[in-house]
PDB file of N, CA and C in Angstrom:
ATOM      1  N   UNK A   1      95.709  92.422 118.346  1.00  0.00           N
ATOM      2  CA  UNK A   1      94.667  91.541 117.369  1.00  0.00           C
ATOM      3  C   UNK A   1      95.183  92.450 115.966  1.00  0.00           C
ATOM      4  N   UNK A   2      95.587  91.536 114.897  1.00  0.00           N
ATOM      5  CA  UNK A   2      96.774  92.405 114.064  1.00  0.00           C
ATOM      6  C   UNK A   2      95.134  93.045 113.393  1.00  0.00           C
ATOM      7  N   UNK A   3      95.327  93.618 112.556  1.00  0.00           N
ATOM      8  CA  UNK A   3      94.250  94.260 111.450  1.00  0.00           C
ATOM      9  C   UNK A   3      94.483  94.259 109.782  1.00  0.00           C
ATOM     10  N   UNK A   4      92.564  94.263 109.070  1.00  0.00           N
ATOM     11  CA  UNK A   4      92.723  93.808 108.453  1.00  0.00           C
ATOM     12  C   UNK A   4      94.384  93.622 107.357  1.00  0.00           C
ATOM     13  N   UNK A   5      94.177  92.209 106.247  1.00  0.00           N
ATOM     14  CA  UNK A   5      95.484  92.518 105.585  1.00  0.00           C
ATOM     15  C   UNK A   5      94.876  92.977 103.843  1.00  0.00           C
ATOM     16  N   UNK A   6      95.149  93.749 103.584  1.00  0.00           N
ATOM     17  CA  UNK A   6      95.228  93.909 101.945  1.00  0.00           C
ATOM     18  C   UNK A   6      96.648  93.138 100.960  1.00  0.00           C
ATOM     19  N   UNK A   7      95.991  92.736  99.720  1.00  0.00           N
ATOM     20  CA  UNK A   7      96.904  92.523  98.814  1.00  0.00           C
ATOM     21  C   UNK A   7      96.931  93.959  97.679  1.00  0.00           C
ATOM     22  N   UNK A   8      97.996  94.559  98.195  1.00  0.00           N
ATOM     23  CA  UNK A   8      98.105  95.767  97.016  1.00  0.00           C
ATOM     24  C   UNK A   8      98.580  95.671  95.841  1.00  0.00           C
ATOM     25  N   UNK A   9      99.021  96.622  94.773  1.00  0.00           N
ATOM     26  CA  UNK A   9      99.493  96.672  94.263  1.00  0.00           C
ATOM     27  C   UNK A   9     100.824  97.201  94.172  1.00  0.00           C
ATOM     28  N   UNK A  10     102.019  96.726  94.640  1.00  0.00           N
ATOM     29  CA  UNK A  10     103.509  97.228  95.041  1.00  0.00           C
ATOM     30  C   UNK A  10     104.306  97.649  94.038  1.00  0.00           C
ATOM     31  N   UNK A  11     105.358  97.932  93.301  1.00  0.00           N
ATOM     32  CA  UNK A  11     106.223  98.135  92.492  1.00  0.00           C
ATOM     33  C   UNK A  11     106.257  97.266  91.522  1.00  0.00           C
ATOM     34  N   UNK A  12     105.648  97.032  90.479  1.00  0.00           N
ATOM     35  CA  UNK A  12     105.286  95.569  89.520  1.00  0.00           C
ATOM     36  C   UNK A  12     104.901  94.699  89.784  1.00  0.00           C
ATOM     37  N   UNK A  13     105.289  94.940  91.048  1.00  0.00           N
ATOM     38  CA  UNK A  13     104.542  93.110  91.579  1.00  0.00           C
ATOM     39  C   UNK A  13     103.148  93.677  93.186  1.00  0.00           C
ATOM     40  N   UNK A  14     103.023  92.712  93.584  1.00  0.00           N
ATOM     41  CA  UNK A  14     101.868  92.905  95.019  1.00  0.00           C
ATOM     42  C   UNK A  14     102.365  92.840  96.767  1.00  0.00           C
ATOM     43  N   UNK A  15     101.948  93.422  96.659  1.00  0.00           N
ATOM     44  CA  UNK A  15     102.631  93.295  98.487  1.00  0.00           C
ATOM     45  C   UNK A  15     101.427  92.514  99.051  1.00  0.00           C
ATOM     46  N   UNK A  16     101.648  91.831 100.202  1.00  0.00           N
ATOM     47  CA  UNK A  16     100.218  92.021 101.038  1.00  0.00           C
ATOM     48  C   UNK A  16     101.383  93.111 102.629  1.00  0.00           C
ATOM     49  N   UNK A  17      99.876  93.488 102.867  1.00  0.00           N
ATOM     50  CA  UNK A  17     100.025  94.419 104.101  1.00  0.00           C
ATOM     51  C   UNK A  17      98.876  94.576 104.921  1.00  0.00           C
ATOM     52  N   UNK A  18      99.811  94.926 106.379  1.00  0.00           N
ATOM     53  CA  UNK A  18      98.464  94.573 107.460  1.00  0.00           C
ATOM     54  C   UNK A  18      97.951  96.328 107.384  1.00  0.00           C
ATOM     55  N   UNK A  19      96.554  96.277 108.431  1.00  0.00           N
ATOM     56  CA  UNK A  19      96.074  97.869 108.896  1.00  0.00           C
ATOM     57  C   UNK A  19      97.135  97.505 109.402  1.00  0.00           C
ATOM     58  N   UNK A  20      97.607  99.468 109.918  1.00  0.00           N
ATOM     59  CA  UNK A  20      98.708  99.031 110.641  1.00  0.00           C
ATOM     60  C   UNK A  20      99.992  99.016 110.981  1.00  0.00           C
ATOM     61  N   UNK A  21      99.865  98.522 109.882  1.00  0.00           N
ATOM     62  CA  UNK A  21     102.105  97.771 110.219  1.00  0.00           C
ATOM     63  C   UNK A  21     101.963  98.306 109.817  1.00  0.00           C
ATOM     64  N   UNK A  22     102.247  99.458 108.471  1.00  0.00           N
ATOM     65  CA  UNK A  22     102.983 100.489 107.567  1.00  0.00           C
ATOM     66  C   UNK A  22     102.697  99.764 106.740  1.00  0.00           C
ATOM     67  N   UNK A  23     104.230  99.996 106.034  1.00  0.00           N
ATOM     68  CA  UNK A  23     104.351  99.102 104.087  1.00  0.00           C
ATOM     69  C   UNK A  23     104.941  97.353 104.475  1.00  0.00           C
ATOM     70  N   UNK A  24     104.760  96.700 103.716  1.00  0.00           N
ATOM     71  CA  UNK A  24     105.204  95.677 103.749  1.00  0.00           C
ATOM     72  C   UNK A  24     106.479  95.960 103.047  1.00  0.00           C
ATOM     73  N   UNK A  25     106.937  94.188 103.773  1.00  0.00           N
ATOM     74  CA  UNK A  25     108.522  93.922 103.157  1.00  0.00           C
ATOM     75  C   UNK A  25     107.935  92.934 102.908  1.00  0.00           C
ATOM     76  N   UNK A  26     106.545  92.398 101.822  1.00  0.00           N
ATOM     77  CA  UNK A  26     106.480  90.862 101.652  1.00  0.00           C
ATOM     78  C   UNK A  26     106.294  91.851 100.301  1.00  0.00           C
ATOM     79  N   UNK A  27     106.757  90.872  98.987  1.00  0.00           N
ATOM     80  CA  UNK A  27     106.613  91.503  97.844  1.00  0.00           C
ATOM     81  C   UNK A  27     106.258  89.992  97.009  1.00  0.00           C
ATOM     82  N   UNK A  28     105.389  90.330  96.130  1.00  0.00           N
ATOM     83  CA  UNK A  28     105.277  89.025  95.379  1.00  0.00           C
ATOM     84  C   UNK A  28     105.376  89.364  93.647  1.00  0.00           C
ATOM     85  N   UNK A  29     105.040  88.345  92.440  1.00  0.00           N
ATOM     86  CA  UNK A  29     105.144  88.792  91.602  1.00  0.00           C
ATOM     87  C   UNK A  29     103.863  88.703  90.519  1.00  0.00           C
ATOM     88  N   UNK A  30     103.347  87.952  91.231  1.00  0.00           N
ATOM     89  CA  UNK A  30     102.156  87.231  91.601  1.00  0.00           C
ATOM     90  C   UNK A  30     100.974  87.278  91.858  1.00  0.00           C
ATOM     91  N   UNK A  31     100.005  88.018  91.788  1.00  0.00           N
ATOM     92  CA  UNK A  31      99.233  88.021  92.767  1.00  0.00           C
ATOM     93  C   UNK A  31      98.230  87.086  93.793  1.00  0.00           C
ATOM     94  N   UNK A  32      98.548  85.932  92.598  1.00  0.00           N
ATOM     95  CA  UNK A  32      97.626  84.338  93.536  1.00  0.00           C
ATOM     96  C   UNK A  32      98.949  83.711  94.214  1.00  0.00           C
ATOM     97  N   UNK A  33      99.631  84.346  93.822  1.00  0.00           N
ATOM     98  CA  UNK A  33     100.933  84.030  95.578  1.00  0.00           C
ATOM     99  C   UNK A  33     100.205  84.663  96.286  1.00  0.00           C
ATOM    100  N   UNK A  34      99.979  86.633  95.922  1.00  0.00           N
ATOM    101  CA  UNK A  34      99.580  87.382  97.043  1.00  0.00           C
ATOM    102  C   UNK A  34      98.119  86.656  98.189  1.00  0.00           C
ATOM    103  N   UNK A  35      97.437  86.653  96.987  1.00  0.00           N
ATOM    104  CA  UNK A  35      96.566  86.553  97.584  1.00  0.00           C
ATOM    105  C   UNK A  35      96.388  85.216  98.933  1.00  0.00           C
ATOM    106  N   UNK A  36      97.503  84.162  97.804  1.00  0.00           N
ATOM    107  CA  UNK A  36      97.493  82.892  98.639  1.00  0.00           C
ATOM    108  C   UNK A  36      97.423  82.926  99.746  1.00  0.00           C
ATOM    109  N   UNK A  37      98.836  83.767  99.889  1.00  0.00           N
ATOM    110  CA  UNK A  37      99.983  84.123 101.237  1.00  0.00           C
ATOM    111  C   UNK A  37      98.891  84.818 102.705  1.00  0.00           C
ATOM    112  N   UNK A  38      98.248  85.784 101.907  1.00  0.00           N
ATOM    113  CA  UNK A  38      97.334  86.382 102.726  1.00  0.00           C
ATOM    114  C   UNK A  38      95.684  86.644 103.312  1.00  0.00           C
ATOM    115  N   UNK A  39      95.830  85.101 102.344  1.00  0.00           N
ATOM    116  CA  UNK A  39      94.609  84.678 102.684  1.00  0.00           C
ATOM    117  C   UNK A  39      94.446  83.704 104.019  1.00  0.00           C
ATOM    118  N   UNK A  40      95.692  83.000 103.545  1.00  0.00           N
ATOM    119  CA  UNK A  40      96.437  82.257 105.270  1.00  0.00           C
ATOM    120  C   UNK A  40      96.418  83.524 106.111  1.00  0.00           C
ATOM    121  N   UNK A  41      97.126  83.870 106.607  1.00  0.00           N
ATOM    122  CA  UNK A  41      97.228  85.065 107.455  1.00  0.00           C
ATOM    123  C   UNK A  41      95.688  85.287 107.627  1.00  0.00           C
ATOM    124  N   UNK A  42      94.678  85.661 106.947  1.00  0.00           N
ATOM    125  CA  UNK A  42      94.021  85.974 107.082  1.00  0.00           C
ATOM    126  C   UNK A  42      93.336  85.638 107.756  1.00  0.00           C
ATOM    127  N   UNK A  43      93.355  83.895 108.035  1.00  0.00           N
ATOM    128  CA  UNK A  43      92.198  82.947 108.320  1.00  0.00           C
ATOM    129  C   UNK A  43      93.504  82.213 109.528  1.00  0.00           C
ATOM    130  N   UNK A  44      94.313  82.601 109.895  1.00  0.00           N
ATOM    131  CA  UNK A  44      95.177  82.778 111.594  1.00  0.00           C
ATOM    132  C   UNK A  44      94.280  83.802 112.060  1.00  0.00           C
ATOM    133  N   UNK A  45      94.597  84.615 111.599  1.00  0.00           N
ATOM    134  CA  UNK A  45      93.904  85.796 112.649  1.00  0.00           C
ATOM    135  C   UNK A  45      93.114  86.000 112.453  1.00  0.00           C
ATOM    136  N   UNK A  46      92.166  85.488 111.886  1.00  0.00           N
ATOM    137  CA  UNK A  46      90.622  85.901 112.366  1.00  0.00           C
ATOM    138  C   UNK A  46      90.078  87.633 111.931  1.00  0.00           C
ATOM    139  N   UNK A  47      90.470  88.576 110.706  1.00  0.00           N
ATOM    140  CA  UNK A  47      90.443  89.465 110.023  1.00  0.00           C
ATOM    141  C   UNK A  47      89.697  88.963 108.560  1.00  0.00           C
ATOM    142  N   UNK A  48      89.789  90.058 108.394  1.00  0.00           N
ATOM    143  CA  UNK A  48      89.191  90.465 106.365  1.00  0.00           C
ATOM    144  C   UNK A  48      90.070  90.347 105.410  1.00  0.00           C
ATOM    145  N   UNK A  49      90.663  90.415 104.692  1.00  0.00           N
ATOM    146  CA  UNK A  49      90.852  90.167 103.698  1.00  0.00           C
ATOM    147  C   UNK A  49      90.391  90.883 102.299  1.00  0.00           C
ATOM    148  N   UNK A  50      91.204  91.580 101.877  1.00  0.00           N
ATOM    149  CA  UNK A  50      90.376  92.867 101.723  1.00  0.00           C
ATOM    150  C   UNK A  50      91.765  92.710  99.738  1.00  0.00           C
ATOM    151  N   UNK A  51      91.209  92.709  98.795  1.00  0.00           N
ATOM    152  CA  UNK A  51      92.277  92.448  97.337  1.00  0.00           C
ATOM    153  C   UNK A  51      91.360  93.308  96.611  1.00  0.00           C
ATOM    154  N   UNK A  52      92.906  94.337  96.331  1.00  0.00           N
ATOM    155  CA  UNK A  52      92.920  94.685  95.775  1.00  0.00           C
ATOM    156  C   UNK A  52      93.399  94.776  94.289  1.00  0.00           C
ATOM    157  N   UNK A  53      92.485  95.554  93.516  1.00  0.00           N
ATOM    158  CA  UNK A  53      93.224  95.645  91.633  1.00  0.00           C
ATOM    159  C   UNK A  53      93.993  95.631  91.408  1.00  0.00           C
ATOM    160  N   UNK A  54      94.360  96.127  90.021  1.00  0.00           N
ATOM    161  CA  UNK A  54      95.704  97.092  90.054  1.00  0.00           C
ATOM    162  C   UNK A  54      95.420  98.412  89.632  1.00  0.00           C
ATOM    163  N   UNK A  55      94.253  98.969  89.495  1.00  0.00           N
ATOM    164  CA  UNK A  55      94.532 100.551  89.730  1.00  0.00           C
ATOM    165  C   UNK A  55      94.248 100.441  90.611  1.00  0.00           C
ATOM    166  N   UNK A  56      94.535 100.260  92.454  1.00  0.00           N
ATOM    167  CA  UNK A  56      94.001 100.358  93.415  1.00  0.00           C
ATOM    168  C   UNK A  56      93.301  99.063  93.856  1.00  0.00           C
ATOM    169  N   UNK A  57      92.072  99.454  93.134  1.00  0.00           N
ATOM    170  CA  UNK A  57      90.246 100.310  94.098  1.00  0.00           C
ATOM    171  C   UNK A  57      90.515  98.514  94.400  1.00  0.00           C
ATOM    172  N   UNK A  58      89.839  98.331  95.735  1.00  0.00           N
ATOM    173  CA  UNK A  58      89.187  97.337  96.221  1.00  0.00           C
ATOM    174  C   UNK A  58      88.134  96.291  95.396  1.00  0.00           C
ATOM    175  N   UNK A  59      88.523  95.258  94.693  1.00  0.00           N
ATOM    176  CA  UNK A  59      88.212  94.527  94.186  1.00  0.00           C
ATOM    177  C   UNK A  59      87.154  93.417  94.649  1.00  0.00           C
ATOM    178  N   UNK A  60      87.397  92.737  95.569  1.00  0.00           N
ATOM    179  CA  UNK A  60      87.248  90.842  96.675  1.00  0.00           C
ATOM    180  C   UNK A  60      87.276  91.973  98.114  1.00  0.00           C
ATOM    181  N   UNK A  61      86.298  91.626  98.674  1.00  0.00           N
ATOM    182  CA  UNK A  61      86.537  90.794 100.148  1.00  0.00           C
ATOM    183  C   UNK A  61      86.421  89.931 100.854  1.00  0.00           C
ATOM    184  N   UNK A  62      86.942  89.659 101.301  1.00  0.00           N
ATOM    185  CA  UNK A  62      86.419  87.372 102.371  1.00  0.00           C
ATOM    186  C   UNK A  62      86.645  87.794 103.838  1.00  0.00           C
ATOM    187  N   UNK A  63      85.854  88.059 105.042  1.00  0.00           N
ATOM    188  CA  UNK A  63      86.138  87.910 105.716  1.00  0.00           C
ATOM    189  C   UNK A  63      85.692  86.799 106.646  1.00  0.00           C
ATOM    190  N   UNK A  64      87.095  86.209 107.544  1.00  0.00           N
ATOM    191  CA  UNK A  64      87.906  84.923 108.360  1.00  0.00           C
ATOM    192  C   UNK A  64      87.525  84.956 109.961  1.00  0.00           C
ATOM    193  N   UNK A  65      86.562  85.050 110.226  1.00  0.00           N
ATOM    194  CA  UNK A  65      86.529  85.415 111.767  1.00  0.00           C
ATOM    195  C   UNK A  65      85.329  86.768 112.042  1.00  0.00           C
ATOM    196  N   UNK A  66      85.723  87.950 110.717  1.00  0.00           N
ATOM    197  CA  UNK A  66      84.942  89.072 111.749  1.00  0.00           C
ATOM    198  C   UNK A  66      84.296  89.542 111.131  1.00  0.00           C
ATOM    199  N   UNK A  67      82.891  88.636 110.484  1.00  0.00           N
ATOM    200  CA  UNK A  67      82.554  89.460 110.181  1.00  0.00           C
ATOM    201  C   UNK A  67      81.425  90.175 110.611  1.00  0.00           C
ATOM    202  N   UNK A  68      80.629  91.099 110.483  1.00  0.00           N
ATOM    203  CA  UNK A  68      80.117  92.413 111.501  1.00  0.00           C
ATOM    204  C   UNK A  68      78.755  91.607 111.628  1.00  0.00           C
ATOM    205  N   UNK A  69      78.302  91.735 109.927  1.00  0.00           N
ATOM    206  CA  UNK A  69      76.418  90.659 110.361  1.00  0.00           C
ATOM    207  C   UNK A  69      76.652  89.433 110.451  1.00  0.00           C
ATOM    208  N   UNK A  70      75.004  89.680 110.989  1.00  0.00           N
ATOM    209  CA  UNK A  70      74.743  88.134 111.485  1.00  0.00           C
ATOM    210  C   UNK A  70      73.998  87.647 110.739  1.00  0.00           C
ATOM    211  N   UNK A  71      74.187  86.963 109.782  1.00  0.00           N
ATOM    212  CA  UNK A  71      74.177  86.260 108.722  1.00  0.00           C
ATOM    213  C   UNK A  71      74.676  85.094 108.826  1.00  0.00           C
ATOM    214  N   UNK A  72      73.625  84.467 108.809  1.00  0.00           N
ATOM    215  CA  UNK A  72      74.381  82.387 108.600  1.00  0.00           C
ATOM    216  C   UNK A  72      74.354  81.955 107.501  1.00  0.00           C
ATOM    217  N   UNK A  73      75.764  81.489 107.482  1.00  0.00           N
ATOM    218  CA  UNK A  73      76.299  80.793 106.386  1.00  0.00           C
ATOM    219  C   UNK A  73      77.753  81.700 105.617  1.00  0.00           C
TER     220      UNK A  73
END
């Protein structure tokens, strides 16, 4: 099972990284492009997508099938 997926700032652009997978070799110039790619991967893997801001801090989290809370909706 794949780890959670992160969109992180990298080398003046954005990278999509998988937890436990080491450094990413997939870079994007626009954060929106990285988020789109990461969202598709997170949905397929049914893991959490964690989006970081330019400062590296988490700004958003989305769960795609691996939600630890037992809340409908």
